[in-house]
Amino acid sequence: GCFPLYGSTGVIGTTATPSYHEPLVLVARVGSIGCVQFVNIPCGVSDNTIVIRCGSKAKYVYYYLQNYNFERITSGTTQPLITAKDVKHIDIPIIDSANDLKAINTLDTLNMSMTQLKGVIESASDKINTTLNRLEAASEDEKADIIVNLLSGNPEKLGSFFSEPVQVSDNYIYEIANYGSGVAPFYTTLAIW
């Protein structure tokens, strides 16, 4: 098949005929409780996943359920389980369409930023681990060279950053030539009084 088949934690295969053609929110029903997915393509869904159809509100519901504590509604001890009936009883505050769209756009932007940040953190972590491994394997003389190379970078970039770590832009609303002309009306009134 050419359509994705979703299980409780993601795509588990393909299917020749999709069961759904609208935006969906998928909630893991068995085992991986708390795994929530948003799907906006024709697809099939396995029976260990609860399908929530909510039309244009699907992405909003998806973001809400991502932060929902599903442990409150699970049953079973060795294999956690939730049912469609349990999910139907979750009170999801629905806001008007204009604010709904703003909230979704904001959450989409935050989600993309978090994904990018995760990549940066993973890259930095890899570099730190590589450097630590090199330090552990190096002799005492080589360790100093590794640390010097690590700390030395492009001196011009480092200098410009440390001289101005934050860039400030001025946006004057009532521009005045100097401090004296700005306070003159106050002191003139004070003198007359």
N, C-alpha and C. Protein backbone atom coordinates (compact mmCIF):
# COMPACT_ATOMS: atom_id res chain seq x y z
N GLY A 1 0.80 -1.19 0.00
CA GLY A 1 0.00 0.00 0.00
C GLY A 1 0.85 1.25 0.00
N CYS A 2 0.23 2.35 -0.32
CA CYS A 2 0.97 3.61 -0.39
C CYS A 2 0.53 4.62 0.67
N PHE A 3 -0.41 4.25 1.53
CA PHE A 3 -0.86 5.15 2.58
C PHE A 3 -0.30 4.68 3.92
N PRO A 4 0.14 5.63 4.77
CA PRO A 4 0.72 5.21 6.05
C PRO A 4 -0.33 4.58 6.97
N LEU A 5 0.12 3.60 7.72
CA LEU A 5 -0.72 2.95 8.72
C LEU A 5 -0.13 3.33 10.08
N TYR A 6 -0.92 4.04 10.88
CA TYR A 6 -0.44 4.53 12.18
C TYR A 6 -0.79 3.57 13.30
N GLY A 7 0.19 3.38 14.17
CA GLY A 7 -0.01 2.64 15.41
C GLY A 7 0.02 3.62 16.57
N SER A 8 0.21 3.12 17.77
CA SER A 8 0.14 3.99 18.94
C SER A 8 1.29 4.98 19.05
N THR A 9 2.43 4.70 18.40
CA THR A 9 3.57 5.61 18.52
C THR A 9 4.07 6.16 17.20
N GLY A 10 3.38 5.91 16.12
CA GLY A 10 3.82 6.42 14.82
C GLY A 10 3.47 5.47 13.70
N VAL A 11 4.10 5.65 12.55
CA VAL A 11 3.82 4.82 11.39
C VAL A 11 4.40 3.42 11.63
N ILE A 12 3.54 2.41 11.44
CA ILE A 12 3.98 1.03 11.64
C ILE A 12 3.97 0.23 10.34
N GLY A 13 3.52 0.84 9.26
CA GLY A 13 3.45 0.15 7.98
C GLY A 13 2.66 0.97 6.98
N THR A 14 2.15 0.30 5.96
CA THR A 14 1.35 0.98 4.95
C THR A 14 0.07 0.19 4.71
N THR A 15 -0.88 0.86 4.05
CA THR A 15 -2.14 0.23 3.70
C THR A 15 -2.54 0.67 2.30
N ALA A 16 -3.25 -0.18 1.59
CA ALA A 16 -3.67 0.16 0.22
C ALA A 16 -4.86 1.11 0.22
N THR A 17 -5.70 1.02 1.24
CA THR A 17 -6.89 1.88 1.29
C THR A 17 -6.92 2.62 2.63
N PRO A 18 -6.93 3.95 2.57
CA PRO A 18 -6.97 4.71 3.83
C PRO A 18 -8.35 4.65 4.47
N SER A 19 -8.36 4.62 5.79
CA SER A 19 -9.62 4.61 6.54
C SER A 19 -10.10 6.02 6.82
N TYR A 20 -9.16 6.97 6.83
CA TYR A 20 -9.49 8.36 7.18
C TYR A 20 -8.89 9.31 6.17
N HIS A 21 -9.61 10.40 5.92
CA HIS A 21 -9.17 11.41 4.95
C HIS A 21 -9.16 12.82 5.53
N GLU A 22 -9.45 12.96 6.81
CA GLU A 22 -9.52 14.28 7.43
C GLU A 22 -8.46 14.40 8.52
N PRO A 23 -8.22 15.61 9.05
CA PRO A 23 -7.26 15.77 10.16
C PRO A 23 -7.71 14.95 11.37
N LEU A 24 -6.75 14.25 11.97
CA LEU A 24 -7.04 13.37 13.10
C LEU A 24 -6.09 13.63 14.25
N VAL A 25 -6.55 13.32 15.45
CA VAL A 25 -5.69 13.24 16.62
C VAL A 25 -5.71 11.77 17.04
N LEU A 26 -4.52 11.21 17.18
CA LEU A 26 -4.41 9.80 17.56
C LEU A 26 -3.83 9.71 18.96
N VAL A 27 -4.43 8.89 19.79
CA VAL A 27 -3.99 8.71 21.18
C VAL A 27 -3.69 7.23 21.39
N ALA A 28 -2.51 6.95 21.92
CA ALA A 28 -2.14 5.56 22.22
C ALA A 28 -3.11 4.98 23.24
N ARG A 29 -3.62 3.81 22.95
CA ARG A 29 -4.63 3.19 23.80
C ARG A 29 -4.04 2.18 24.76
N VAL A 30 -2.98 1.49 24.33
CA VAL A 30 -2.39 0.43 25.14
C VAL A 30 -0.88 0.64 25.20
N GLY A 31 -0.30 0.48 26.37
CA GLY A 31 1.16 0.50 26.50
C GLY A 31 1.76 1.89 26.53
N SER A 32 1.84 2.55 25.41
CA SER A 32 2.50 3.86 25.30
C SER A 32 1.53 4.98 25.63
N ILE A 33 0.93 4.91 26.79
CA ILE A 33 -0.07 5.90 27.20
C ILE A 33 0.57 7.29 27.19
N GLY A 34 -0.15 8.25 26.63
CA GLY A 34 0.35 9.61 26.60
C GLY A 34 0.95 10.00 25.26
N CYS A 35 1.13 9.05 24.36
CA CYS A 35 1.65 9.37 23.03
C CYS A 35 0.49 9.89 22.20
N VAL A 36 0.60 11.15 21.76
CA VAL A 36 -0.45 11.80 20.99
C VAL A 36 0.15 12.22 19.66
N GLN A 37 -0.58 11.97 18.57
CA GLN A 37 -0.10 12.31 17.23
C GLN A 37 -1.14 13.14 16.50
N PHE A 38 -0.67 14.03 15.62
CA PHE A 38 -1.55 14.77 14.73
C PHE A 38 -1.29 14.28 13.31
N VAL A 39 -2.34 13.90 12.60
CA VAL A 39 -2.20 13.39 11.24
C VAL A 39 -3.14 14.19 10.35
N ASN A 40 -2.60 14.66 9.23
CA ASN A 40 -3.40 15.47 8.31
C ASN A 40 -3.28 14.93 6.88
N ILE A 41 -3.14 13.61 6.74
CA ILE A 41 -3.05 12.98 5.42
C ILE A 41 -3.92 11.73 5.44
N PRO A 42 -4.37 11.26 4.28
CA PRO A 42 -5.13 10.01 4.25
C PRO A 42 -4.28 8.88 4.84
N CYS A 43 -4.90 8.09 5.72
CA CYS A 43 -4.13 7.05 6.42
C CYS A 43 -5.04 5.97 6.96
N GLY A 44 -4.39 4.93 7.44
CA GLY A 44 -5.07 3.89 8.19
C GLY A 44 -4.59 3.96 9.62
N VAL A 45 -5.37 3.39 10.54
CA VAL A 45 -5.01 3.43 11.96
C VAL A 45 -5.24 2.05 12.56
N SER A 46 -4.26 1.56 13.33
CA SER A 46 -4.39 0.24 13.95
C SER A 46 -5.36 0.30 15.13
N ASP A 47 -5.75 -0.86 15.59
CA ASP A 47 -6.76 -0.91 16.66
C ASP A 47 -6.21 -0.61 18.05
N ASN A 48 -4.90 -0.40 18.19
CA ASN A 48 -4.37 -0.04 19.51
C ASN A 48 -4.24 1.47 19.67
N THR A 49 -4.95 2.21 18.81
CA THR A 49 -4.91 3.66 18.82
C THR A 49 -6.32 4.21 18.81
N ILE A 50 -6.57 5.22 19.64
CA ILE A 50 -7.88 5.87 19.67
C ILE A 50 -7.86 7.02 18.66
N VAL A 51 -8.86 7.08 17.82
CA VAL A 51 -8.96 8.11 16.78
C VAL A 51 -9.93 9.18 17.26
N ILE A 52 -9.47 10.44 17.23
CA ILE A 52 -10.33 11.57 17.59
C ILE A 52 -10.54 12.40 16.33
N ARG A 53 -11.81 12.51 15.93
CA ARG A 53 -12.17 13.32 14.77
C ARG A 53 -12.76 14.62 15.30
N CYS A 54 -12.10 15.72 15.00
CA CYS A 54 -12.63 17.00 15.48
C CYS A 54 -12.46 18.11 14.45
N GLY A 55 -12.36 17.75 13.19
CA GLY A 55 -12.36 18.72 12.09
C GLY A 55 -11.27 19.77 12.21
N SER A 56 -11.69 21.03 12.10
CA SER A 56 -10.74 22.15 12.11
C SER A 56 -10.10 22.36 13.48
N LYS A 57 -10.64 21.75 14.52
CA LYS A 57 -10.08 21.89 15.87
C LYS A 57 -9.02 20.82 16.18
N ALA A 58 -8.72 19.96 15.21
CA ALA A 58 -7.83 18.82 15.46
C ALA A 58 -6.47 19.25 15.98
N LYS A 59 -5.88 20.26 15.38
CA LYS A 59 -4.55 20.65 15.82
C LYS A 59 -4.60 21.25 17.23
N TYR A 60 -5.63 22.01 17.54
CA TYR A 60 -5.79 22.57 18.88
C TYR A 60 -5.93 21.44 19.91
N VAL A 61 -6.77 20.46 19.60
CA VAL A 61 -6.99 19.32 20.50
C VAL A 61 -5.67 18.55 20.66
N TYR A 62 -4.94 18.40 19.57
CA TYR A 62 -3.63 17.72 19.62
C TYR A 62 -2.70 18.40 20.61
N TYR A 63 -2.57 19.72 20.52
CA TYR A 63 -1.67 20.44 21.43
C TYR A 63 -2.17 20.34 22.88
N TYR A 64 -3.47 20.39 23.07
CA TYR A 64 -4.00 20.27 24.43
C TYR A 64 -3.68 18.90 25.01
N LEU A 65 -3.92 17.85 24.23
CA LEU A 65 -3.71 16.50 24.74
C LEU A 65 -2.23 16.14 24.91
N GLN A 66 -1.36 16.83 24.20
CA GLN A 66 0.08 16.59 24.40
C GLN A 66 0.49 16.89 25.83
N ASN A 67 -0.22 17.81 26.47
CA ASN A 67 0.12 18.19 27.83
C ASN A 67 -0.85 17.63 28.87
N TYR A 68 -1.71 16.73 28.45
CA TYR A 68 -2.69 16.15 29.35
C TYR A 68 -2.04 14.98 30.11
N ASN A 69 -2.39 14.82 31.38
CA ASN A 69 -1.86 13.74 32.20
C ASN A 69 -2.78 12.51 32.05
N PHE A 70 -2.44 11.64 31.10
CA PHE A 70 -3.27 10.47 30.84
C PHE A 70 -3.24 9.44 31.96
N GLU A 71 -2.27 9.53 32.85
CA GLU A 71 -2.21 8.58 33.95
C GLU A 71 -3.45 8.67 34.84
N ARG A 72 -4.12 9.82 34.82
CA ARG A 72 -5.33 10.00 35.64
C ARG A 72 -6.48 9.13 35.17
N ILE A 73 -6.45 8.73 33.88
CA ILE A 73 -7.59 7.97 33.35
C ILE A 73 -7.20 6.56 32.91
N THR A 74 -5.99 6.11 33.24
CA THR A 74 -5.58 4.76 32.84
C THR A 74 -6.14 3.72 33.79
N SER A 75 -6.26 2.52 33.24
CA SER A 75 -6.64 1.38 34.07
C SER A 75 -5.69 0.25 33.72
N GLY A 76 -5.66 -0.76 34.54
CA GLY A 76 -4.73 -1.87 34.32
C GLY A 76 -3.43 -1.61 35.05
N THR A 77 -2.79 -2.66 35.50
CA THR A 77 -1.57 -2.49 36.27
C THR A 77 -0.33 -2.88 35.48
N THR A 78 -0.35 -4.04 34.82
CA THR A 78 0.84 -4.46 34.08
C THR A 78 0.89 -3.84 32.71
N GLN A 79 -0.25 -3.66 32.07
CA GLN A 79 -0.32 -3.04 30.74
C GLN A 79 -1.31 -1.89 30.83
N PRO A 80 -0.81 -0.63 30.98
CA PRO A 80 -1.73 0.51 31.09
C PRO A 80 -2.67 0.59 29.89
N LEU A 81 -3.89 0.99 30.14
CA LEU A 81 -4.91 1.01 29.10
C LEU A 81 -5.83 2.21 29.30
N ILE A 82 -6.19 2.85 28.20
CA ILE A 82 -7.27 3.84 28.24
C ILE A 82 -8.26 3.47 27.15
N THR A 83 -9.49 3.89 27.33
CA THR A 83 -10.55 3.57 26.37
C THR A 83 -11.05 4.85 25.72
N ALA A 84 -11.77 4.68 24.61
CA ALA A 84 -12.37 5.83 23.94
C ALA A 84 -13.34 6.54 24.88
N LYS A 85 -14.03 5.77 25.73
CA LYS A 85 -14.95 6.36 26.70
C LYS A 85 -14.19 7.28 27.66
N ASP A 86 -12.97 6.84 28.10
CA ASP A 86 -12.16 7.68 28.98
C ASP A 86 -11.79 9.00 28.30
N VAL A 87 -11.41 8.90 27.04
CA VAL A 87 -10.98 10.10 26.30
C VAL A 87 -12.15 11.04 26.07
N LYS A 88 -13.34 10.49 25.85
CA LYS A 88 -14.53 11.33 25.63
C LYS A 88 -14.85 12.19 26.85
N HIS A 89 -14.44 11.75 28.03
CA HIS A 89 -14.73 12.49 29.25
C HIS A 89 -13.68 13.55 29.60
N ILE A 90 -12.68 13.73 28.75
CA ILE A 90 -11.68 14.78 28.99
C ILE A 90 -12.30 16.12 28.60
N ASP A 91 -12.31 17.06 29.54
CA ASP A 91 -12.84 18.40 29.26
C ASP A 91 -11.76 19.23 28.58
N ILE A 92 -11.97 19.53 27.31
CA ILE A 92 -11.02 20.35 26.55
C ILE A 92 -11.65 21.72 26.36
N PRO A 93 -11.03 22.76 26.91
CA PRO A 93 -11.60 24.11 26.72
C PRO A 93 -11.45 24.53 25.26
N ILE A 94 -12.56 24.82 24.64
CA ILE A 94 -12.54 25.24 23.23
C ILE A 94 -12.71 26.76 23.20
N ILE A 95 -11.85 27.41 22.44
CA ILE A 95 -11.92 28.87 22.31
C ILE A 95 -12.45 29.22 20.94
N ASP A 96 -12.79 30.48 20.74
CA ASP A 96 -13.38 30.88 19.47
C ASP A 96 -12.37 30.71 18.33
N SER A 97 -12.86 30.67 17.12
CA SER A 97 -12.04 30.34 15.96
C SER A 97 -10.87 31.29 15.74
N ALA A 98 -11.08 32.60 15.94
CA ALA A 98 -9.99 33.56 15.72
C ALA A 98 -8.85 33.32 16.71
N ASN A 99 -9.19 33.15 17.98
CA ASN A 99 -8.16 32.89 18.99
C ASN A 99 -7.59 31.48 18.85
N ASP A 100 -8.41 30.55 18.40
CA ASP A 100 -7.97 29.19 18.16
C ASP A 100 -6.84 29.19 17.14
N LEU A 101 -7.03 29.92 16.04
CA LEU A 101 -6.02 29.99 14.99
C LEU A 101 -4.75 30.65 15.50
N LYS A 102 -4.89 31.72 16.29
CA LYS A 102 -3.71 32.38 16.87
C LYS A 102 -2.96 31.42 17.79
N ALA A 103 -3.69 30.69 18.61
CA ALA A 103 -3.06 29.75 19.53
C ALA A 103 -2.34 28.65 18.77
N ILE A 104 -2.96 28.12 17.72
CA ILE A 104 -2.34 27.07 16.92
C ILE A 104 -1.08 27.58 16.24
N ASN A 105 -1.14 28.79 15.65
CA ASN A 105 0.04 29.36 14.99
C ASN A 105 1.17 29.57 15.98
N THR A 106 0.84 30.06 17.18
CA THR A 106 1.85 30.27 18.21
C THR A 106 2.46 28.94 18.64
N LEU A 107 1.61 27.94 18.85
CA LEU A 107 2.10 26.63 19.26
C LEU A 107 2.92 25.96 18.16
N ASP A 108 2.51 26.14 16.89
CA ASP A 108 3.31 25.61 15.77
C ASP A 108 4.70 26.23 15.76
N THR A 109 4.75 27.56 15.95
CA THR A 109 6.04 28.26 15.97
C THR A 109 6.90 27.77 17.13
N LEU A 110 6.30 27.65 18.31
CA LEU A 110 7.04 27.15 19.47
C LEU A 110 7.52 25.72 19.25
N ASN A 111 6.68 24.91 18.64
CA ASN A 111 7.04 23.52 18.38
C ASN A 111 8.24 23.44 17.42
N MET A 112 8.24 24.28 16.37
CA MET A 112 9.37 24.31 15.44
C MET A 112 10.62 24.80 16.15
N SER A 113 10.47 25.84 16.98
CA SER A 113 11.63 26.37 17.71
C SER A 113 12.20 25.33 18.66
N MET A 114 11.33 24.60 19.34
CA MET A 114 11.79 23.56 20.26
C MET A 114 12.52 22.45 19.51
N THR A 115 12.02 22.11 18.31
CA THR A 115 12.67 21.08 17.50
C THR A 115 14.06 21.55 17.08
N GLN A 116 14.16 22.82 16.65
CA GLN A 116 15.45 23.37 16.26
C GLN A 116 16.39 23.42 17.46
N LEU A 117 15.88 23.85 18.60
CA LEU A 117 16.69 23.94 19.81
C LEU A 117 17.18 22.56 20.23
N LYS A 118 16.33 21.56 20.11
CA LYS A 118 16.72 20.19 20.44
C LYS A 118 17.90 19.76 19.56
N GLY A 119 17.85 20.11 18.27
CA GLY A 119 18.95 19.78 17.35
C GLY A 119 20.24 20.47 17.74
N VAL A 120 20.14 21.74 18.13
CA VAL A 120 21.34 22.49 18.56
C VAL A 120 21.92 21.88 19.83
N ILE A 121 21.06 21.53 20.77
CA ILE A 121 21.53 20.94 22.03
C ILE A 121 22.18 19.58 21.77
N GLU A 122 21.57 18.77 20.91
CA GLU A 122 22.15 17.46 20.59
C GLU A 122 23.51 17.62 19.91
N SER A 123 23.62 18.59 19.01
CA SER A 123 24.90 18.85 18.34
C SER A 123 25.96 19.29 19.33
N ALA A 124 25.59 20.21 20.23
CA ALA A 124 26.54 20.67 21.26
C ALA A 124 26.93 19.52 22.18
N SER A 125 25.99 18.68 22.53
CA SER A 125 26.27 17.53 23.38
C SER A 125 27.26 16.58 22.70
N ASP A 126 27.04 16.35 21.41
CA ASP A 126 27.96 15.48 20.66
C ASP A 126 29.37 16.06 20.65
N LYS A 127 29.49 17.37 20.44
CA LYS A 127 30.80 18.02 20.41
C LYS A 127 31.48 17.94 21.79
N ILE A 128 30.70 18.12 22.84
CA ILE A 128 31.26 18.04 24.19
C ILE A 128 31.75 16.62 24.48
N ASN A 129 30.94 15.63 24.11
CA ASN A 129 31.33 14.24 24.33
C ASN A 129 32.57 13.86 23.53
N THR A 130 32.65 14.35 22.29
CA THR A 130 33.84 14.09 21.46
C THR A 130 35.07 14.71 22.10
N THR A 131 34.94 15.94 22.58
CA THR A 131 36.07 16.62 23.22
C THR A 131 36.47 15.90 24.50
N LEU A 132 35.51 15.48 25.30
CA LEU A 132 35.82 14.74 26.54
C LEU A 132 36.54 13.43 26.23
N ASN A 133 36.10 12.74 25.20
CA ASN A 133 36.76 11.49 24.81
C ASN A 133 38.19 11.74 24.35
N ARG A 134 38.38 12.83 23.60
CA ARG A 134 39.73 13.18 23.16
C ARG A 134 40.62 13.52 24.35
N LEU A 135 40.04 14.25 25.33
CA LEU A 135 40.81 14.61 26.52
C LEU A 135 41.20 13.38 27.34
N GLU A 136 40.29 12.43 27.46
CA GLU A 136 40.58 11.22 28.23
C GLU A 136 41.69 10.40 27.58
N ALA A 137 41.73 10.40 26.25
CA ALA A 137 42.71 9.59 25.53
C ALA A 137 44.05 10.32 25.35
N ALA A 138 44.07 11.61 25.62
CA ALA A 138 45.28 12.41 25.34
C ALA A 138 46.26 12.36 26.51
N SER A 139 47.52 12.62 26.18
CA SER A 139 48.55 12.75 27.23
C SER A 139 48.42 14.13 27.86
N GLU A 140 49.15 14.38 28.92
CA GLU A 140 49.07 15.66 29.63
C GLU A 140 49.41 16.83 28.72
N ASP A 141 50.45 16.69 27.88
CA ASP A 141 50.85 17.77 26.96
C ASP A 141 49.76 18.02 25.91
N GLU A 142 49.16 16.95 25.42
CA GLU A 142 48.12 17.09 24.40
C GLU A 142 46.85 17.71 24.96
N LYS A 143 46.57 17.47 26.25
CA LYS A 143 45.37 18.03 26.87
C LYS A 143 45.37 19.54 26.82
N ALA A 144 46.51 20.15 27.10
CA ALA A 144 46.61 21.62 27.06
C ALA A 144 46.33 22.13 25.65
N ASP A 145 46.88 21.45 24.64
CA ASP A 145 46.65 21.87 23.25
C ASP A 145 45.17 21.74 22.88
N ILE A 146 44.53 20.66 23.32
CA ILE A 146 43.11 20.46 23.01
C ILE A 146 42.28 21.58 23.64
N ILE A 147 42.57 21.93 24.88
CA ILE A 147 41.81 22.98 25.56
C ILE A 147 42.06 24.33 24.91
N VAL A 148 43.30 24.63 24.55
CA VAL A 148 43.61 25.91 23.87
C VAL A 148 42.88 25.98 22.54
N ASN A 149 42.89 24.88 21.77
CA ASN A 149 42.18 24.87 20.49
C ASN A 149 40.67 25.01 20.68
N LEU A 150 40.17 24.41 21.74
CA LEU A 150 38.74 24.51 22.03
C LEU A 150 38.34 25.94 22.37
N LEU A 151 39.15 26.60 23.17
CA LEU A 151 38.83 27.96 23.61
C LEU A 151 39.16 29.03 22.58
N SER A 152 40.08 28.72 21.69
CA SER A 152 40.42 29.72 20.68
C SER A 152 39.48 29.53 19.50
N GLY A 153 38.93 30.59 19.10
CA GLY A 153 38.03 30.57 17.95
C GLY A 153 38.42 31.72 17.06
N ASN A 154 37.48 32.23 16.35
CA ASN A 154 37.72 33.40 15.51
C ASN A 154 37.79 34.61 16.44
N PRO A 155 38.99 35.21 16.60
CA PRO A 155 39.13 36.31 17.56
C PRO A 155 38.25 37.52 17.23
N GLU A 156 38.02 37.77 15.95
CA GLU A 156 37.19 38.92 15.56
C GLU A 156 35.73 38.70 15.97
N LYS A 157 35.22 37.48 15.76
CA LYS A 157 33.84 37.18 16.15
C LYS A 157 33.69 37.23 17.67
N LEU A 158 34.65 36.64 18.38
CA LEU A 158 34.59 36.66 19.84
C LEU A 158 34.68 38.09 20.36
N GLY A 159 35.57 38.89 19.78
CA GLY A 159 35.72 40.28 20.21
C GLY A 159 34.46 41.09 19.98
N SER A 160 33.85 40.92 18.80
CA SER A 160 32.63 41.69 18.52
C SER A 160 31.48 41.25 19.42
N PHE A 161 31.41 39.95 19.74
CA PHE A 161 30.36 39.48 20.63
C PHE A 161 30.53 40.04 22.03
N PHE A 162 31.76 39.96 22.57
CA PHE A 162 31.97 40.41 23.95
C PHE A 162 31.91 41.92 24.08
N SER A 163 32.19 42.65 23.01
CA SER A 163 32.10 44.11 23.09
C SER A 163 30.65 44.57 23.02
N GLU A 164 29.82 43.81 22.35
CA GLU A 164 28.41 44.17 22.25
C GLU A 164 27.56 42.89 22.21
N PRO A 165 27.35 42.24 23.37
CA PRO A 165 26.63 40.97 23.38
C PRO A 165 25.15 41.11 23.01
N VAL A 166 24.60 42.30 23.20
CA VAL A 166 23.21 42.54 22.86
C VAL A 166 23.16 43.73 21.92
N GLN A 167 22.45 43.58 20.82
CA GLN A 167 22.30 44.69 19.90
C GLN A 167 21.05 45.47 20.26
N VAL A 168 21.22 46.78 20.39
CA VAL A 168 20.12 47.65 20.80
C VAL A 168 19.77 48.56 19.63
N SER A 169 18.48 48.68 19.37
CA SER A 169 18.05 49.63 18.35
C SER A 169 17.19 50.69 19.04
N ASP A 170 17.35 51.92 18.63
CA ASP A 170 16.61 53.05 19.21
C ASP A 170 15.37 53.32 18.38
N ASN A 171 14.26 53.51 19.06
CA ASN A 171 13.01 53.86 18.41
C ASN A 171 12.44 55.07 19.15
N TYR A 172 12.73 56.26 18.65
CA TYR A 172 12.32 57.49 19.32
C TYR A 172 10.85 57.79 19.03
N ILE A 173 10.12 58.09 20.07
CA ILE A 173 8.72 58.48 19.91
C ILE A 173 8.62 59.99 19.92
N TYR A 174 9.19 60.64 20.93
CA TYR A 174 9.25 62.08 21.02
C TYR A 174 10.72 62.45 21.12
N GLU A 175 11.38 62.59 20.00
CA GLU A 175 12.81 62.82 19.99
C GLU A 175 13.12 64.25 20.46
N ILE A 176 14.13 64.36 21.31
CA ILE A 176 14.58 65.66 21.78
C ILE A 176 16.08 65.77 21.50
N ALA A 177 16.54 66.99 21.34
CA ALA A 177 17.93 67.21 20.97
C ALA A 177 18.88 66.85 22.11
N ASN A 178 18.54 67.21 23.34
CA ASN A 178 19.40 66.92 24.48
C ASN A 178 18.55 66.88 25.75
N TYR A 179 19.18 66.52 26.84
CA TYR A 179 18.46 66.36 28.10
C TYR A 179 17.85 67.68 28.57
N GLY A 180 18.56 68.75 28.43
CA GLY A 180 18.08 70.05 28.91
C GLY A 180 16.80 70.49 28.24
N SER A 181 16.72 70.31 26.93
CA SER A 181 15.51 70.76 26.24
C SER A 181 14.32 69.85 26.58
N GLY A 182 14.60 68.63 27.00
CA GLY A 182 13.52 67.73 27.37
C GLY A 182 12.90 68.07 28.71
N VAL A 183 13.69 68.60 29.65
CA VAL A 183 13.15 68.91 30.98
C VAL A 183 12.86 70.39 31.16
N ALA A 184 13.16 71.23 30.17
CA ALA A 184 12.93 72.67 30.28
C ALA A 184 11.48 73.01 30.60
N PRO A 185 10.48 72.38 29.95
CA PRO A 185 9.10 72.72 30.28
C PRO A 185 8.77 72.47 31.74
N PHE A 186 9.30 71.41 32.34
CA PHE A 186 9.05 71.11 33.74
C PHE A 186 9.62 72.21 34.63
N TYR A 187 10.89 72.56 34.40
CA TYR A 187 11.52 73.56 35.26
C TYR A 187 10.97 74.96 35.03
N THR A 188 10.54 75.26 33.80
CA THR A 188 9.94 76.57 33.54
C THR A 188 8.64 76.71 34.33
N THR A 189 7.81 75.66 34.31
CA THR A 189 6.56 75.68 35.07
C THR A 189 6.85 75.76 36.56
N LEU A 190 7.86 75.06 37.02
CA LEU A 190 8.22 75.05 38.43
C LEU A 190 8.67 76.45 38.87
N ALA A 191 9.43 77.12 38.00
CA ALA A 191 9.92 78.47 38.34
C ALA A 191 8.77 79.46 38.39
N ILE A 192 7.81 79.35 37.50
CA ILE A 192 6.67 80.27 37.48
C ILE A 192 5.82 80.04 38.72
N TRP A 193 5.70 78.85 39.14
CA TRP A 193 4.86 78.53 40.29
C TRP A 193 5.43 79.14 41.53
